Amino acid sequence: MAKQDCIPKKDADFLTQLKFLRDNAPNYQKDLNISPDDLNTLTADSTLFEGKLTTFNGADAAYSQTSTDKQATRAAVEARERAIIRRMKSATGYTEAIGQALKIIGTNDNTDMTTAKVDLSATVLAHGVELDFTKLKSDGVNLYSKRDGDTDYVFLAHDTISPYVDNRPLLVAGKPEVRRYKAIYVVNDEEIGYFSDEVVVTVQP
């Protein structure tokens, strides 16, 4: 049975896991052949990502830049954590019990992606619209939007990490604009499942 990814999707949960691994991995250093460099990486990355997340959470005015910075940092940190976890799991001393103790085993995932529906939400910010979505076990989502003058939805972006920020300028400067959004899952470069419910927001000048 397939398991869900052991790396949490939500940033707060990801940071909690990262710090937990930092604090508890030394207990299994001999069993899993964990190197001092790996432990140093977990410590440094915990501090690094916590700082970026704190900045991101408190930076409305500079949202666009901090969002990009935070997502890039998460991608880099997550890649390093995954590499460390892979090395742990390949060690001769690794057991399912140790994996459970370190919380690096994904839970069973019975999601049928052919019937899955994206949970999409939108928040208007000073520098655009933040679109939050569930990823489940997909490769990402395709986002579509519809603005004044559009006869139908048009493709907006493909994204693999929530949230996505739509920072397009207003069609008419100084005029409020209604924006509609929907999203659908993507697996192996093919759209799958059902479109999300339509989300509607008004962007102010």
C-alpha atoms as a PDB file:
ATOM      1  CA  MET A   1       0.000   0.000   0.000  1.00  0.00           C
ATOM      2  CA  ALA A   2       1.356   3.403  -0.967  1.00  0.00           C
ATOM      3  CA  LYS A   3       2.225   5.784   1.838  1.00  0.00           C
ATOM      4  CA  GLN A   4       1.918   9.521   2.023  1.00  0.00           C
ATOM      5  CA  ASP A   5       5.083  11.579   1.858  1.00  0.00           C
ATOM      6  CA  CYS A   6       6.756  11.728   5.289  1.00  0.00           C
ATOM      7  CA  ILE A   7       7.629  15.394   4.694  1.00  0.00           C
ATOM      8  CA  PRO A   8       4.666  17.578   5.832  1.00  0.00           C
ATOM      9  CA  LYS A   9       3.160  19.977   3.298  1.00  0.00           C
ATOM     10  CA  LYS A  10       2.365  22.832   5.706  1.00  0.00           C
ATOM     11  CA  ASP A  11       5.328  25.015   6.553  1.00  0.00           C
ATOM     12  CA  ALA A  12       4.632  25.035  10.310  1.00  0.00           C
ATOM     13  CA  ASP A  13       4.426  21.239  10.386  1.00  0.00           C
ATOM     14  CA  PHE A  14       7.570  20.988   8.240  1.00  0.00           C
ATOM     15  CA  LEU A  15       9.476  23.175  10.709  1.00  0.00           C
ATOM     16  CA  THR A  16       8.190  21.096  13.642  1.00  0.00           C
ATOM     17  CA  GLN A  17       9.400  17.920  11.944  1.00  0.00           C
ATOM     18  CA  LEU A  18      12.754  19.476  11.064  1.00  0.00           C
ATOM     19  CA  LYS A  19      13.361  20.544  14.688  1.00  0.00           C
ATOM     20  CA  PHE A  20      12.173  17.171  16.005  1.00  0.00           C
ATOM     21  CA  LEU A  21      14.620  15.402  13.694  1.00  0.00           C
ATOM     22  CA  ARG A  22      17.378  17.803  14.737  1.00  0.00           C
ATOM     23  CA  ASP A  23      16.765  17.046  18.421  1.00  0.00           C
ATOM     24  CA  ASN A  24      16.213  13.297  18.175  1.00  0.00           C
ATOM     25  CA  ALA A  25      18.422  12.051  15.338  1.00  0.00           C
ATOM     26  CA  PRO A  26      21.520  12.068  17.624  1.00  0.00           C
ATOM     27  CA  ASN A  27      19.862   9.271  19.634  1.00  0.00           C
ATOM     28  CA  TYR A  28      20.226   7.018  16.577  1.00  0.00           C
ATOM     29  CA  GLN A  29      23.539   8.321  15.287  1.00  0.00           C
ATOM     30  CA  LYS A  30      25.320   4.975  15.674  1.00  0.00           C
ATOM     31  CA  ASP A  31      22.401   2.794  14.458  1.00  0.00           C
ATOM     32  CA  LEU A  32      21.854   4.837  11.297  1.00  0.00           C
ATOM     33  CA  ASN A  33      25.448   5.938  10.638  1.00  0.00           C
ATOM     34  CA  ILE A  34      24.369   9.553  10.856  1.00  0.00           C
ATOM     35  CA  SER A  35      27.349  11.760  10.172  1.00  0.00           C
ATOM     36  CA  PRO A  36      28.251  14.879  12.164  1.00  0.00           C
ATOM     37  CA  ASP A  37      27.759  16.827   8.920  1.00  0.00           C
ATOM     38  CA  ASP A  38      24.167  15.576   8.688  1.00  0.00           C
ATOM     39  CA  LEU A  39      23.482  16.647  12.274  1.00  0.00           C
ATOM     40  CA  ASN A  40      25.057  20.042  11.620  1.00  0.00           C
ATOM     41  CA  THR A  41      22.935  20.412   8.480  1.00  0.00           C
ATOM     42  CA  LEU A  42      19.724  19.653  10.386  1.00  0.00           C
ATOM     43  CA  THR A  43      20.683  22.188  13.070  1.00  0.00           C
ATOM     44  CA  ALA A  44      21.623  24.902  10.580  1.00  0.00           C
ATOM     45  CA  ASP A  45      18.598  24.289   8.366  1.00  0.00           C
ATOM     46  CA  SER A  46      16.212  24.390  11.336  1.00  0.00           C
ATOM     47  CA  THR A  47      17.511  27.839  12.226  1.00  0.00           C
ATOM     48  CA  LEU A  48      17.566  28.939   8.584  1.00  0.00           C
ATOM     49  CA  PHE A  49      14.007  27.892   7.728  1.00  0.00           C
ATOM     50  CA  GLU A  50      12.563  29.080  11.054  1.00  0.00           C
ATOM     51  CA  GLY A  51      13.997  32.524  10.376  1.00  0.00           C
ATOM     52  CA  LYS A  52      12.631  32.628   6.827  1.00  0.00           C
ATOM     53  CA  LEU A  53       9.209  31.430   7.985  1.00  0.00           C
ATOM     54  CA  THR A  54       9.092  34.026  10.763  1.00  0.00           C
ATOM     55  CA  THR A  55       9.955  36.741   8.261  1.00  0.00           C
ATOM     56  CA  PHE A  56       7.377  35.420   5.822  1.00  0.00           C
ATOM     57  CA  ASN A  57       4.591  35.289   8.401  1.00  0.00           C
ATOM     58  CA  GLY A  58       5.159  38.839   9.554  1.00  0.00           C
ATOM     59  CA  ALA A  59       5.886  40.603   6.283  1.00  0.00           C
ATOM     60  CA  ASP A  60       2.705  41.811   4.618  1.00  0.00           C
ATOM     61  CA  ALA A  61       4.299  44.877   3.054  1.00  0.00           C
ATOM     62  CA  ALA A  62       7.095  42.896   1.428  1.00  0.00           C
ATOM     63  CA  TYR A  63       5.017  39.792   0.791  1.00  0.00           C
ATOM     64  CA  SER A  64       5.958  39.029  -2.779  1.00  0.00           C
ATOM     65  CA  GLN A  65       9.698  38.932  -2.137  1.00  0.00           C
ATOM     66  CA  THR A  66       9.510  37.067   1.166  1.00  0.00           C
ATOM     67  CA  SER A  67       7.142  34.518  -0.382  1.00  0.00           C
ATOM     68  CA  THR A  68       9.590  33.812  -3.194  1.00  0.00           C
ATOM     69  CA  ASP A  69      12.504  33.702  -0.756  1.00  0.00           C
ATOM     70  CA  LYS A  70      10.650  31.408   1.638  1.00  0.00           C
ATOM     71  CA  GLN A  71       9.610  28.970  -1.083  1.00  0.00           C
ATOM     72  CA  ALA A  72      13.131  28.826  -2.515  1.00  0.00           C
ATOM     73  CA  THR A  73      14.543  28.242   0.965  1.00  0.00           C
ATOM     74  CA  ARG A  74      12.002  25.506   1.703  1.00  0.00           C
ATOM     75  CA  ALA A  75      12.813  23.739  -1.570  1.00  0.00           C
ATOM     76  CA  ALA A  76      16.546  23.759  -0.794  1.00  0.00           C
ATOM     77  CA  VAL A  77      16.106  22.748   2.857  1.00  0.00           C
ATOM     78  CA  GLU A  78      13.582  20.025   1.973  1.00  0.00           C
ATOM     79  CA  ALA A  79      15.964  18.561  -0.616  1.00  0.00           C
ATOM     80  CA  ARG A  80      18.750  18.349   1.976  1.00  0.00           C
ATOM     81  CA  GLU A  81      16.422  16.824   4.594  1.00  0.00           C
ATOM     82  CA  ARG A  82      15.173  14.228   2.100  1.00  0.00           C
ATOM     83  CA  ALA A  83      18.780  13.259   1.293  1.00  0.00           C
ATOM     84  CA  ILE A  84      19.569  12.807   4.989  1.00  0.00           C
ATOM     85  CA  ILE A  85      16.406  10.734   5.515  1.00  0.00           C
ATOM     86  CA  ARG A  86      17.284   8.552   2.517  1.00  0.00           C
ATOM     87  CA  ARG A  87      20.723   7.888   3.992  1.00  0.00           C
ATOM     88  CA  MET A  88      19.166   7.065   7.366  1.00  0.00           C
ATOM     89  CA  LYS A  89      16.747   4.589   5.785  1.00  0.00           C
ATOM     90  CA  SER A  90      19.534   2.893   3.822  1.00  0.00           C
ATOM     91  CA  ALA A  91      21.627   2.275   6.947  1.00  0.00           C
ATOM     92  CA  THR A  92      21.964  -1.345   8.088  1.00  0.00           C
ATOM     93  CA  GLY A  93      20.716  -0.397  11.541  1.00  0.00           C
ATOM     94  CA  TYR A  94      17.526   1.180  10.252  1.00  0.00           C
ATOM     95  CA  THR A  95      14.258  -0.368  11.405  1.00  0.00           C
ATOM     96  CA  GLU A  96      10.594   0.500  11.034  1.00  0.00           C
ATOM     97  CA  ALA A  97      10.528   1.253  14.752  1.00  0.00           C
ATOM     98  CA  ILE A  98      13.321   3.823  14.403  1.00  0.00           C
ATOM     99  CA  GLY A  99      11.562   5.354  11.410  1.00  0.00           C
ATOM    100  CA  GLN A 100       8.389   5.682  13.484  1.00  0.00           C
ATOM    101  CA  ALA A 101      10.339   7.121  16.402  1.00  0.00           C
ATOM    102  CA  LEU A 102      11.873   9.803  14.156  1.00  0.00           C
ATOM    103  CA  LYS A 103       8.541  10.373  12.369  1.00  0.00           C
ATOM    104  CA  ILE A 104      10.096   9.841   8.940  1.00  0.00           C
ATOM    105  CA  ILE A 105       7.572   7.288   7.673  1.00  0.00           C
ATOM    106  CA  GLY A 106       4.599   8.543   5.691  1.00  0.00           C
ATOM    107  CA  THR A 107       1.110   7.414   6.669  1.00  0.00           C
ATOM    108  CA  ASN A 108      -0.955   5.179   4.404  1.00  0.00           C
ATOM    109  CA  ASP A 109      -2.502   7.133   1.533  1.00  0.00           C
ATOM    110  CA  ASN A 110      -5.625   5.673  -0.042  1.00  0.00           C
ATOM    111  CA  THR A 111      -6.509   8.788  -2.034  1.00  0.00           C
ATOM    112  CA  ASP A 112      -7.975   8.039  -5.461  1.00  0.00           C
ATOM    113  CA  MET A 113      -6.581  10.863  -7.572  1.00  0.00           C
ATOM    114  CA  THR A 114      -9.089  10.167 -10.357  1.00  0.00           C
ATOM    115  CA  THR A 115     -11.831  11.470  -8.063  1.00  0.00           C
ATOM    116  CA  ALA A 116      -9.781  13.921  -5.973  1.00  0.00           C
ATOM    117  CA  LYS A 117     -10.759  17.584  -5.830  1.00  0.00           C
ATOM    118  CA  VAL A 118      -8.414  20.457  -5.014  1.00  0.00           C
ATOM    119  CA  ASP A 119      -9.212  22.404  -1.846  1.00  0.00           C
ATOM    120  CA  LEU A 120      -8.474  25.949  -3.028  1.00  0.00           C
ATOM    121  CA  SER A 121      -8.660  29.202  -1.078  1.00  0.00           C
ATOM    122  CA  ALA A 122      -7.672  32.780  -1.899  1.00  0.00           C
ATOM    123  CA  THR A 123      -6.549  35.706   0.232  1.00  0.00           C
ATOM    124  CA  VAL A 124      -6.186  39.240  -1.114  1.00  0.00           C
ATOM    125  CA  LEU A 125      -2.918  40.843  -0.044  1.00  0.00           C
ATOM    126  CA  ALA A 126      -1.285  44.194  -0.655  1.00  0.00           C
ATOM    127  CA  HIS A 127       0.741  42.811  -3.555  1.00  0.00           C
ATOM    128  CA  GLY A 128      -1.587  40.278  -5.118  1.00  0.00           C
ATOM    129  CA  VAL A 129      -3.744  37.248  -4.355  1.00  0.00           C
ATOM    130  CA  GLU A 130      -2.389  34.297  -2.388  1.00  0.00           C
ATOM    131  CA  LEU A 131      -3.795  30.975  -3.583  1.00  0.00           C
ATOM    132  CA  ASP A 132      -3.490  28.126  -1.102  1.00  0.00           C
ATOM    133  CA  PHE A 133      -4.139  24.581  -2.251  1.00  0.00           C
ATOM    134  CA  THR A 134      -3.895  20.986  -1.093  1.00  0.00           C
ATOM    135  CA  LYS A 135      -1.404  18.873  -3.025  1.00  0.00           C
ATOM    136  CA  LEU A 136      -2.132  15.364  -1.697  1.00  0.00           C
ATOM    137  CA  LYS A 137       0.032  12.902  -3.664  1.00  0.00           C
ATOM    138  CA  SER A 138      -0.164  14.809  -6.945  1.00  0.00           C
ATOM    139  CA  ASP A 139       2.799  16.348  -8.765  1.00  0.00           C
ATOM    140  CA  GLY A 140       1.189  19.763  -8.345  1.00  0.00           C
ATOM    141  CA  VAL A 141      -1.814  21.712  -9.583  1.00  0.00           C
ATOM    142  CA  ASN A 142      -2.791  23.711 -12.645  1.00  0.00           C
ATOM    143  CA  LEU A 143      -4.317  27.046 -11.719  1.00  0.00           C
ATOM    144  CA  TYR A 144      -6.828  28.853 -13.917  1.00  0.00           C
ATOM    145  CA  SER A 145      -8.274  32.338 -13.619  1.00  0.00           C
ATOM    146  CA  LYS A 146     -10.953  34.501 -15.126  1.00  0.00           C
ATOM    147  CA  ARG A 147     -10.941  38.303 -15.050  1.00  0.00           C
ATOM    148  CA  ASP A 148     -13.063  41.058 -16.537  1.00  0.00           C
ATOM    149  CA  GLY A 149     -13.143  40.611 -20.302  1.00  0.00           C
ATOM    150  CA  ASP A 150     -12.279  36.903 -20.251  1.00  0.00           C
ATOM    151  CA  THR A 151     -14.980  34.792 -21.899  1.00  0.00           C
ATOM    152  CA  ASP A 152     -13.792  31.698 -20.061  1.00  0.00           C
ATOM    153  CA  TYR A 153     -11.107  30.534 -17.671  1.00  0.00           C
ATOM    154  CA  VAL A 154      -7.525  30.830 -18.906  1.00  0.00           C
ATOM    155  CA  PHE A 155      -4.458  28.950 -17.712  1.00  0.00           C
ATOM    156  CA  LEU A 156      -2.597  30.892 -15.022  1.00  0.00           C
ATOM    157  CA  ALA A 157       0.212  28.666 -13.774  1.00  0.00           C
ATOM    158  CA  HIS A 158       1.401  25.216 -12.772  1.00  0.00           C
ATOM    159  CA  ASP A 159       2.642  25.120  -9.192  1.00  0.00           C
ATOM    160  CA  THR A 160       4.085  22.381  -7.004  1.00  0.00           C
ATOM    161  CA  ILE A 161       4.313  24.163  -3.655  1.00  0.00           C
ATOM    162  CA  SER A 162       1.468  26.059  -1.972  1.00  0.00           C
ATOM    163  CA  PRO A 163       0.862  28.958  -1.893  1.00  0.00           C
ATOM    164  CA  TYR A 164       0.980  30.533  -5.348  1.00  0.00           C
ATOM    165  CA  VAL A 165       0.868  34.322  -5.545  1.00  0.00           C
ATOM    166  CA  ASP A 166      -0.962  35.968  -8.436  1.00  0.00           C
ATOM    167  CA  ASN A 167       0.763  39.351  -8.582  1.00  0.00           C
ATOM    168  CA  ARG A 168      -0.484  40.453 -11.989  1.00  0.00           C
ATOM    169  CA  PRO A 169      -1.259  44.171 -12.171  1.00  0.00           C
ATOM    170  CA  LEU A 170      -4.842  45.365 -12.460  1.00  0.00           C
ATOM    171  CA  LEU A 171      -6.242  45.386 -15.993  1.00  0.00           C
ATOM    172  CA  VAL A 172      -7.258  49.009 -15.471  1.00  0.00           C
ATOM    173  CA  ALA A 173      -5.140  51.013 -13.054  1.00  0.00           C
ATOM    174  CA  GLY A 174      -7.168  52.398 -10.173  1.00  0.00           C
ATOM    175  CA  LYS A 175     -10.212  50.198 -10.859  1.00  0.00           C
ATOM    176  CA  PRO A 176     -11.207  47.311  -8.532  1.00  0.00           C
ATOM    177  CA  GLU A 177     -11.080  43.942 -10.282  1.00  0.00           C
ATOM    178  CA  VAL A 178     -12.982  40.709  -9.713  1.00  0.00           C
ATOM    179  CA  ARG A 179     -10.846  37.617 -10.132  1.00  0.00           C
ATOM    180  CA  ARG A 180     -12.122  34.042 -10.237  1.00  0.00           C
ATOM    181  CA  TYR A 181      -9.932  31.016  -9.697  1.00  0.00           C
ATOM    182  CA  LYS A 182     -10.093  27.241  -9.904  1.00  0.00           C
ATOM    183  CA  ALA A 183      -7.501  24.470  -9.836  1.00  0.00           C
ATOM    184  CA  ILE A 184      -7.064  20.817 -10.778  1.00  0.00           C
ATOM    185  CA  TYR A 185      -4.483  18.198  -9.852  1.00  0.00           C
ATOM    186  CA  VAL A 186      -1.656  17.125 -12.187  1.00  0.00           C
ATOM    187  CA  VAL A 187      -0.041  13.666 -12.188  1.00  0.00           C
ATOM    188  CA  ASN A 188       2.580  12.679 -14.780  1.00  0.00           C
ATOM    189  CA  ASP A 189       1.909  15.903 -16.708  1.00  0.00           C
ATOM    190  CA  GLU A 190      -1.811  15.054 -17.049  1.00  0.00           C
ATOM    191  CA  GLU A 191      -4.705  16.799 -15.340  1.00  0.00           C
ATOM    192  CA  ILE A 192      -6.603  14.404 -13.119  1.00  0.00           C
ATOM    193  CA  GLY A 193      -9.581  14.439 -10.769  1.00  0.00           C
ATOM    194  CA  TYR A 194     -12.085  17.262 -10.434  1.00  0.00           C
ATOM    195  CA  PHE A 195     -11.719  21.032 -10.539  1.00  0.00           C
ATOM    196  CA  SER A 196     -11.891  22.855  -7.242  1.00  0.00           C
ATOM    197  CA  ASP A 197     -14.872  24.960  -6.326  1.00  0.00           C
ATOM    198  CA  GLU A 198     -14.646  28.418  -7.857  1.00  0.00           C
ATOM    199  CA  VAL A 199     -13.023  31.015  -5.616  1.00  0.00           C
ATOM    200  CA  VAL A 200     -13.918  34.672  -6.185  1.00  0.00           C
ATOM    201  CA  VAL A 201     -12.102  37.725  -4.799  1.00  0.00           C
ATOM    202  CA  THR A 202     -12.028  41.458  -5.507  1.00  0.00           C
ATOM    203  CA  VAL A 203      -8.612  43.081  -5.872  1.00  0.00           C
ATOM    204  CA  GLN A 204      -8.509  46.729  -4.861  1.00  0.00           C
ATOM    205  CA  PRO A 205      -6.195  49.418  -6.301  1.00  0.00           C
END
